Amino acid sequence: MKIYDIVDYRACATSDLRAASNGKEITQRFAKITGIRVEITDSQEEAYTVS
């Protein structure tokens, strides 16, 4: 993203992280390592985004 000067983005996780017992922990670790906040979307938003 730095190479292409991306300034606006949205990182989303879907059903696998929603179902994982440690999904929130995974997104927190990812954010700590990368600086990118990942939002776990609900099934309705996932369906809307994918379609």
PDB file of N, CA and C in Angstrom:
ATOM      1  N   MET A   1       0.833  -1.180   0.000  1.00  0.00           N
ATOM      2  CA  MET A   1       0.000   0.000   0.000  1.00  0.00           C
ATOM      3  C   MET A   1       0.883   1.250   0.000  1.00  0.00           C
ATOM      4  N   LYS A   2       2.024   1.171   0.648  1.00  0.00           N
ATOM      5  CA  LYS A   2       2.925   2.324   0.656  1.00  0.00           C
ATOM      6  C   LYS A   2       3.466   2.604  -0.735  1.00  0.00           C
ATOM      7  N   ILE A   3       3.771   1.554  -1.466  1.00  0.00           N
ATOM      8  CA  ILE A   3       4.323   1.708  -2.813  1.00  0.00           C
ATOM      9  C   ILE A   3       3.362   2.467  -3.719  1.00  0.00           C
ATOM     10  N   TYR A   4       2.079   2.196  -3.594  1.00  0.00           N
ATOM     11  CA  TYR A   4       1.065   2.811  -4.459  1.00  0.00           C
ATOM     12  C   TYR A   4       0.348   3.992  -3.812  1.00  0.00           C
ATOM     13  N   ASP A   5       0.853   4.452  -2.684  1.00  0.00           N
ATOM     14  CA  ASP A   5       0.283   5.602  -1.972  1.00  0.00           C
ATOM     15  C   ASP A   5      -1.203   5.428  -1.638  1.00  0.00           C
ATOM     16  N   ILE A   6      -1.566   4.232  -1.211  1.00  0.00           N
ATOM     17  CA  ILE A   6      -2.937   3.970  -0.791  1.00  0.00           C
ATOM     18  C   ILE A   6      -3.153   4.640   0.565  1.00  0.00           C
ATOM     19  N   VAL A   7      -4.162   5.475   0.668  1.00  0.00           N
ATOM     20  CA  VAL A   7      -4.433   6.144   1.942  1.00  0.00           C
ATOM     21  C   VAL A   7      -5.769   5.718   2.547  1.00  0.00           C
ATOM     22  N   ASP A   8      -6.717   5.320   1.744  1.00  0.00           N
ATOM     23  CA  ASP A   8      -8.017   4.869   2.229  1.00  0.00           C
ATOM     24  C   ASP A   8      -8.204   3.408   1.869  1.00  0.00           C
ATOM     25  N   TYR A   9      -8.501   2.620   2.872  1.00  0.00           N
ATOM     26  CA  TYR A   9      -8.743   1.205   2.643  1.00  0.00           C
ATOM     27  C   TYR A   9      -9.599   0.670   3.786  1.00  0.00           C
ATOM     28  N   ARG A  10     -10.124  -0.513   3.576  1.00  0.00           N
ATOM     29  CA  ARG A  10     -10.897  -1.188   4.602  1.00  0.00           C
ATOM     30  C   ARG A  10     -10.511  -2.653   4.581  1.00  0.00           C
ATOM     31  N   ALA A  11     -10.000  -3.137   5.689  1.00  0.00           N
ATOM     32  CA  ALA A  11      -9.620  -4.539   5.803  1.00  0.00           C
ATOM     33  C   ALA A  11     -10.719  -5.268   6.567  1.00  0.00           C
ATOM     34  N   CYS A  12     -11.271  -6.305   5.945  1.00  0.00           N
ATOM     35  CA  CYS A  12     -12.386  -7.026   6.544  1.00  0.00           C
ATOM     36  C   CYS A  12     -12.088  -8.519   6.638  1.00  0.00           C
ATOM     37  N   ALA A  13     -12.605  -9.116   7.672  1.00  0.00           N
ATOM     38  CA  ALA A  13     -12.563 -10.565   7.834  1.00  0.00           C
ATOM     39  C   ALA A  13     -14.008 -11.055   7.786  1.00  0.00           C
ATOM     40  N   THR A  14     -14.175 -12.266   7.300  1.00  0.00           N
ATOM     41  CA  THR A  14     -15.543 -12.773   7.127  1.00  0.00           C
ATOM     42  C   THR A  14     -15.780 -14.019   7.992  1.00  0.00           C
ATOM     43  N   SER A  15     -16.497 -14.967   7.474  1.00  0.00           N
ATOM     44  CA  SER A  15     -17.032 -16.085   8.258  1.00  0.00           C
ATOM     45  C   SER A  15     -15.989 -16.881   9.036  1.00  0.00           C
ATOM     46  N   ASP A  16     -14.818 -17.084   8.497  1.00  0.00           N
ATOM     47  CA  ASP A  16     -13.824 -17.886   9.225  1.00  0.00           C
ATOM     48  C   ASP A  16     -13.438 -17.243  10.550  1.00  0.00           C
ATOM     49  N   LEU A  17     -13.207 -15.943  10.550  1.00  0.00           N
ATOM     50  CA  LEU A  17     -12.853 -15.289  11.806  1.00  0.00           C
ATOM     51  C   LEU A  17     -14.066 -15.072  12.692  1.00  0.00           C
ATOM     52  N   ARG A  18     -15.241 -14.921  12.100  1.00  0.00           N
ATOM     53  CA  ARG A  18     -16.465 -14.832  12.906  1.00  0.00           C
ATOM     54  C   ARG A  18     -16.663 -16.123  13.685  1.00  0.00           C
ATOM     55  N   ALA A  19     -16.380 -17.245  13.055  1.00  0.00           N
ATOM     56  CA  ALA A  19     -16.587 -18.562  13.663  1.00  0.00           C
ATOM     57  C   ALA A  19     -15.464 -18.957  14.614  1.00  0.00           C
ATOM     58  N   ALA A  20     -14.296 -18.384  14.441  1.00  0.00           N
ATOM     59  CA  ALA A  20     -13.151 -18.756  15.278  1.00  0.00           C
ATOM     60  C   ALA A  20     -13.335 -18.262  16.711  1.00  0.00           C
ATOM     61  N   SER A  21     -13.004 -19.095  17.650  1.00  0.00           N
ATOM     62  CA  SER A  21     -13.133 -18.700  19.053  1.00  0.00           C
ATOM     63  C   SER A  21     -12.153 -17.589  19.413  1.00  0.00           C
ATOM     64  N   ASN A  22     -11.083 -17.467  18.642  1.00  0.00           N
ATOM     65  CA  ASN A  22     -10.084 -16.444  18.913  1.00  0.00           C
ATOM     66  C   ASN A  22      -9.997 -15.398  17.794  1.00  0.00           C
ATOM     67  N   GLY A  23     -11.095 -15.200  17.077  1.00  0.00           N
ATOM     68  CA  GLY A  23     -11.108 -14.265  15.954  1.00  0.00           C
ATOM     69  C   GLY A  23     -10.707 -12.854  16.335  1.00  0.00           C
ATOM     70  N   LYS A  24     -11.232 -12.380  17.447  1.00  0.00           N
ATOM     71  CA  LYS A  24     -10.905 -11.026  17.890  1.00  0.00           C
ATOM     72  C   LYS A  24      -9.420 -10.923  18.238  1.00  0.00           C
ATOM     73  N   GLU A  25      -8.895 -11.943  18.899  1.00  0.00           N
ATOM     74  CA  GLU A  25      -7.471 -11.951  19.248  1.00  0.00           C
ATOM     75  C   GLU A  25      -6.603 -11.929  17.987  1.00  0.00           C
ATOM     76  N   ILE A  26      -6.995 -12.675  16.983  1.00  0.00           N
ATOM     77  CA  ILE A  26      -6.235 -12.710  15.735  1.00  0.00           C
ATOM     78  C   ILE A  26      -6.200 -11.327  15.093  1.00  0.00           C
ATOM     79  N   THR A  27      -7.353 -10.660  15.043  1.00  0.00           N
ATOM     80  CA  THR A  27      -7.373  -9.329  14.420  1.00  0.00           C
ATOM     81  C   THR A  27      -6.549  -8.339  15.233  1.00  0.00           C
ATOM     82  N   GLN A  28      -6.547  -8.474  16.553  1.00  0.00           N
ATOM     83  CA  GLN A  28      -5.739  -7.592  17.393  1.00  0.00           C
ATOM     84  C   GLN A  28      -4.251  -7.822  17.175  1.00  0.00           C
ATOM     85  N   ARG A  29      -3.848  -9.067  17.072  1.00  0.00           N
ATOM     86  CA  ARG A  29      -2.436  -9.383  16.797  1.00  0.00           C
ATOM     87  C   ARG A  29      -2.022  -8.842  15.435  1.00  0.00           C
ATOM     88  N   PHE A  30      -2.879  -9.049  14.460  1.00  0.00           N
ATOM     89  CA  PHE A  30      -2.593  -8.575  13.100  1.00  0.00           C
ATOM     90  C   PHE A  30      -2.399  -7.059  13.103  1.00  0.00           C
ATOM     91  N   ALA A  31      -3.276  -6.353  13.804  1.00  0.00           N
ATOM     92  CA  ALA A  31      -3.180  -4.892  13.881  1.00  0.00           C
ATOM     93  C   ALA A  31      -1.886  -4.466  14.568  1.00  0.00           C
ATOM     94  N   LYS A  32      -1.515  -5.170  15.607  1.00  0.00           N
ATOM     95  CA  LYS A  32      -0.290  -4.828  16.324  1.00  0.00           C
ATOM     96  C   LYS A  32       0.945  -5.016  15.441  1.00  0.00           C
ATOM     97  N   ILE A  33       0.957  -6.073  14.669  1.00  0.00           N
ATOM     98  CA  ILE A  33       2.107  -6.384  13.811  1.00  0.00           C
ATOM     99  C   ILE A  33       2.157  -5.490  12.576  1.00  0.00           C
ATOM    100  N   THR A  34       0.998  -5.267  11.956  1.00  0.00           N
ATOM    101  CA  THR A  34       0.976  -4.574  10.661  1.00  0.00           C
ATOM    102  C   THR A  34       0.530  -3.125  10.726  1.00  0.00           C
ATOM    103  N   GLY A  35      -0.173  -2.772  11.796  1.00  0.00           N
ATOM    104  CA  GLY A  35      -0.749  -1.433  11.866  1.00  0.00           C
ATOM    105  C   GLY A  35      -2.058  -1.316  11.111  1.00  0.00           C
ATOM    106  N   ILE A  36      -2.558  -2.432  10.605  1.00  0.00           N
ATOM    107  CA  ILE A  36      -3.817  -2.451   9.851  1.00  0.00           C
ATOM    108  C   ILE A  36      -4.915  -3.043  10.722  1.00  0.00           C
ATOM    109  N   ARG A  37      -5.959  -2.262  10.970  1.00  0.00           N
ATOM    110  CA  ARG A  37      -7.105  -2.711  11.770  1.00  0.00           C
ATOM    111  C   ARG A  37      -8.028  -3.541  10.870  1.00  0.00           C
ATOM    112  N   VAL A  38      -8.349  -4.729  11.301  1.00  0.00           N
ATOM    113  CA  VAL A  38      -9.238  -5.613  10.550  1.00  0.00           C
ATOM    114  C   VAL A  38     -10.586  -5.655  11.249  1.00  0.00           C
ATOM    115  N   GLU A  39     -11.622  -5.425  10.466  1.00  0.00           N
ATOM    116  CA  GLU A  39     -12.986  -5.425  10.980  1.00  0.00           C
ATOM    117  C   GLU A  39     -13.639  -6.770  10.651  1.00  0.00           C
ATOM    118  N   ILE A  40     -14.198  -7.424  11.650  1.00  0.00           N
ATOM    119  CA  ILE A  40     -14.923  -8.676  11.405  1.00  0.00           C
ATOM    120  C   ILE A  40     -16.355  -8.291  11.049  1.00  0.00           C
ATOM    121  N   THR A  41     -16.732  -8.542   9.818  1.00  0.00           N
ATOM    122  CA  THR A  41     -18.057  -8.151   9.349  1.00  0.00           C
ATOM    123  C   THR A  41     -19.090  -9.203   9.727  1.00  0.00           C
ATOM    124  N   ASP A  42     -20.333  -8.790   9.791  1.00  0.00           N
ATOM    125  CA  ASP A  42     -21.404  -9.750  10.061  1.00  0.00           C
ATOM    126  C   ASP A  42     -21.814 -10.423   8.748  1.00  0.00           C
ATOM    127  N   SER A  43     -22.609 -11.468   8.857  1.00  0.00           N
ATOM    128  CA  SER A  43     -22.973 -12.255   7.675  1.00  0.00           C
ATOM    129  C   SER A  43     -23.779 -11.449   6.664  1.00  0.00           C
ATOM    130  N   GLN A  44     -24.594 -10.540   7.142  1.00  0.00           N
ATOM    131  CA  GLN A  44     -25.405  -9.727   6.232  1.00  0.00           C
ATOM    132  C   GLN A  44     -24.517  -8.808   5.391  1.00  0.00           C
ATOM    133  N   GLU A  45     -23.562  -8.162   6.033  1.00  0.00           N
ATOM    134  CA  GLU A  45     -22.663  -7.281   5.290  1.00  0.00           C
ATOM    135  C   GLU A  45     -21.778  -8.085   4.342  1.00  0.00           C
ATOM    136  N   GLU A  46     -21.342  -9.244   4.785  1.00  0.00           N
ATOM    137  CA  GLU A  46     -20.539 -10.108   3.927  1.00  0.00           C
ATOM    138  C   GLU A  46     -21.314 -10.481   2.665  1.00  0.00           C
ATOM    139  N   ALA A  47     -22.561 -10.859   2.814  1.00  0.00           N
ATOM    140  CA  ALA A  47     -23.400 -11.220   1.667  1.00  0.00           C
ATOM    141  C   ALA A  47     -23.558 -10.039   0.721  1.00  0.00           C
ATOM    142  N   TYR A  48     -23.763  -8.856   1.265  1.00  0.00           N
ATOM    143  CA  TYR A  48     -23.921  -7.656   0.448  1.00  0.00           C
ATOM    144  C   TYR A  48     -22.641  -7.332  -0.304  1.00  0.00           C
ATOM    145  N   THR A  49     -21.500  -7.425   0.365  1.00  0.00           N
ATOM    146  CA  THR A  49     -20.210  -7.075  -0.227  1.00  0.00           C
ATOM    147  C   THR A  49     -19.794  -8.057  -1.310  1.00  0.00           C
ATOM    148  N   VAL A  50     -20.042  -9.322  -1.085  1.00  0.00           N
ATOM    149  CA  VAL A  50     -19.623 -10.358  -2.018  1.00  0.00           C
ATOM    150  C   VAL A  50     -20.504 -10.393  -3.263  1.00  0.00           C
ATOM    151  N   SER A  51     -21.758 -10.031  -3.121  1.00  0.00           N
ATOM    152  CA  SER A  51     -22.672 -10.138  -4.267  1.00  0.00           C
ATOM    153  C   SER A  51     -22.505  -9.022  -5.261  1.00  0.00           C
TER     154      SER A  51
END
